[in-house]
Amino acid sequence: MPLILVQGDEAGCQEASEQFPGVVTAAVKRAISEDLCEGLDEEEARRLTAARVAEAIAGLRRRPPAPFKPALPTTVTVRMHSAAATERATGRPTVQRVDELTVQGRVDCQCDVVKWLLGTGLDMPPEQT
């Protein structure tokens, strides 16, 4: 299923628009710092989101988008939530640390990223704890 709508902060909406041309976005907040944001009040955010949902569905009915199929192999970069998560992912095959919270690696299929995050995949035994 193709991506037709993203609702969230301005940065996420901008990133989605760059990666998925034609996606409908509803930016309901804006980052002030890494730990602080400001945004629309609840009712205004709901109205904007509802309007954008209707717009996305109307666009889907008019012209269904092609499925997203990235060129493979590709390099994927993931920003982790903690240094410990970064360390765990860095121990996985093909993954390199970029900085304290960021890893990247070349993947042959999109599901390989799951191996970084969970330590398991279709051709990989579950991680022993």
Protein backbone atom coordinates (compact mmCIF):
# COMPACT_ATOMS: atom_id res chain seq x y z
CA MET A 1 0.00 0.00 0.00
CA PRO A 2 1.44 3.40 -0.91
CA LEU A 3 1.91 6.21 1.59
CA ILE A 4 -0.80 8.85 1.10
CA LEU A 5 -0.83 10.86 4.38
CA VAL A 6 1.63 11.92 7.06
CA GLN A 7 0.53 13.80 10.18
CA GLY A 8 3.05 15.04 12.71
CA ASP A 9 5.72 17.69 13.06
CA GLU A 10 6.98 20.00 10.32
CA ALA A 11 10.28 18.15 9.94
CA GLY A 12 8.59 14.76 9.51
CA CYS A 13 6.11 16.18 7.02
CA GLN A 14 8.94 17.83 5.05
CA GLU A 15 10.95 14.60 5.00
CA ALA A 16 7.91 12.62 3.83
CA SER A 17 7.22 15.16 1.05
CA GLU A 18 10.81 14.89 -0.16
CA GLN A 19 10.84 11.11 -0.16
CA PHE A 20 7.26 10.52 -1.34
CA PRO A 21 6.26 13.22 -3.85
CA GLY A 22 2.52 13.83 -3.77
CA VAL A 23 1.99 12.66 -0.18
CA VAL A 24 -0.52 14.81 1.70
CA THR A 25 0.81 16.20 4.98
CA ALA A 26 -0.69 17.73 8.11
CA ALA A 27 1.97 19.50 10.17
CA VAL A 28 0.40 20.00 13.58
CA LYS A 29 3.53 20.89 15.56
CA ARG A 30 7.01 22.34 15.18
CA ALA A 31 10.17 21.51 17.09
CA ILE A 32 11.65 24.28 19.20
CA SER A 33 14.44 22.04 20.51
CA GLU A 34 15.12 18.32 20.77
CA ASP A 35 12.83 18.07 23.80
CA LEU A 36 10.28 20.83 23.17
CA CYS A 37 7.70 21.62 20.52
CA GLU A 38 4.81 23.97 19.91
CA GLY A 39 1.78 23.36 17.81
CA LEU A 40 -1.83 23.88 16.98
CA ASP A 41 -4.42 23.59 19.70
CA GLU A 42 -6.20 20.22 19.82
CA GLU A 43 -9.32 21.28 17.93
CA GLU A 44 -7.39 23.08 15.19
CA ALA A 45 -5.07 20.08 14.81
CA ARG A 46 -8.07 17.75 14.48
CA ARG A 47 -9.69 19.99 11.85
CA LEU A 48 -6.46 20.19 9.83
CA THR A 49 -5.93 16.44 10.06
CA ALA A 50 -9.52 15.67 9.06
CA ALA A 51 -9.25 18.00 6.06
CA ARG A 52 -5.97 16.40 4.97
CA VAL A 53 -7.37 12.88 5.40
CA ALA A 54 -10.26 13.82 3.10
CA GLU A 55 -7.79 15.35 0.62
CA ALA A 56 -5.60 12.21 0.68
CA ILE A 57 -8.56 9.89 0.13
CA ALA A 58 -9.92 12.04 -2.70
CA GLY A 59 -6.49 11.99 -4.36
CA LEU A 60 -6.26 8.24 -3.93
CA ARG A 61 -9.63 7.79 -5.61
CA ARG A 62 -8.71 10.11 -8.49
CA ARG A 63 -5.34 8.58 -9.18
CA PRO A 64 -3.93 5.75 -7.12
CA PRO A 65 -0.17 6.24 -6.60
CA ALA A 66 2.35 3.64 -7.64
CA PRO A 67 3.71 1.49 -4.81
CA PHE A 68 6.98 2.72 -3.29
CA LYS A 69 9.80 0.54 -4.58
CA PRO A 70 13.25 1.88 -3.68
CA ALA A 71 16.21 0.96 -5.84
CA LEU A 72 18.13 -1.85 -4.17
CA PRO A 73 20.66 -2.31 -2.80
CA THR A 74 20.59 1.01 -0.93
CA THR A 75 22.16 2.64 2.09
CA VAL A 76 19.80 3.22 5.02
CA THR A 77 20.48 5.55 7.94
CA VAL A 78 18.57 5.13 11.22
CA ARG A 79 18.67 7.49 14.21
CA MET A 80 18.22 5.38 17.34
CA HIS A 81 16.59 6.43 20.63
CA SER A 82 19.58 5.62 22.85
CA ALA A 83 23.30 4.93 22.73
CA ALA A 84 22.58 1.38 23.93
CA ALA A 85 20.29 0.77 20.96
CA THR A 86 22.97 2.17 18.67
CA GLU A 87 25.52 -0.19 20.21
CA ARG A 88 23.24 -3.22 19.76
CA ALA A 89 22.60 -2.32 16.10
CA THR A 90 26.30 -1.71 15.46
CA GLY A 91 26.98 -5.32 16.41
CA ARG A 92 24.80 -6.54 13.55
CA PRO A 93 26.28 -7.50 10.15
CA THR A 94 26.73 -4.62 7.65
CA VAL A 95 25.84 -1.90 10.20
CA GLN A 96 28.26 0.92 11.03
CA ARG A 97 27.97 3.62 13.69
CA VAL A 98 27.79 7.17 12.31
CA ASP A 99 27.59 8.95 15.67
CA GLU A 100 26.31 8.27 19.19
CA LEU A 101 22.70 7.71 18.05
CA THR A 102 23.00 7.00 14.32
CA VAL A 103 23.76 3.83 12.37
CA GLN A 104 23.80 3.10 8.68
CA GLY A 105 24.32 0.19 6.39
CA ARG A 106 23.76 -1.14 2.93
CA VAL A 107 20.69 -3.36 2.54
CA ASP A 108 19.67 -5.72 -0.22
CA CYS A 109 16.01 -5.65 0.84
CA GLN A 110 14.00 -3.30 3.06
CA CYS A 111 13.34 -5.98 5.68
CA ASP A 112 17.07 -6.08 6.49
CA VAL A 113 16.53 -2.96 8.63
CA VAL A 114 14.39 -5.09 10.98
CA LYS A 115 17.53 -7.14 11.63
CA TRP A 116 19.22 -4.00 12.94
CA LEU A 117 16.38 -3.05 15.22
CA LEU A 118 15.24 -6.45 16.52
CA GLY A 119 18.19 -8.72 15.86
CA THR A 120 16.08 -11.17 13.91
CA GLY A 121 14.88 -11.69 10.36
CA LEU A 122 13.85 -14.29 7.85
CA ASP A 123 17.39 -15.66 7.47
CA MET A 124 18.72 -14.86 10.95
CA PRO A 125 18.19 -16.83 14.18
CA PRO A 126 16.53 -14.96 17.08
CA GLU A 127 18.93 -13.12 19.38
CA GLN A 128 19.77 -15.05 22.56
CA THR A 129 19.17 -13.09 25.77
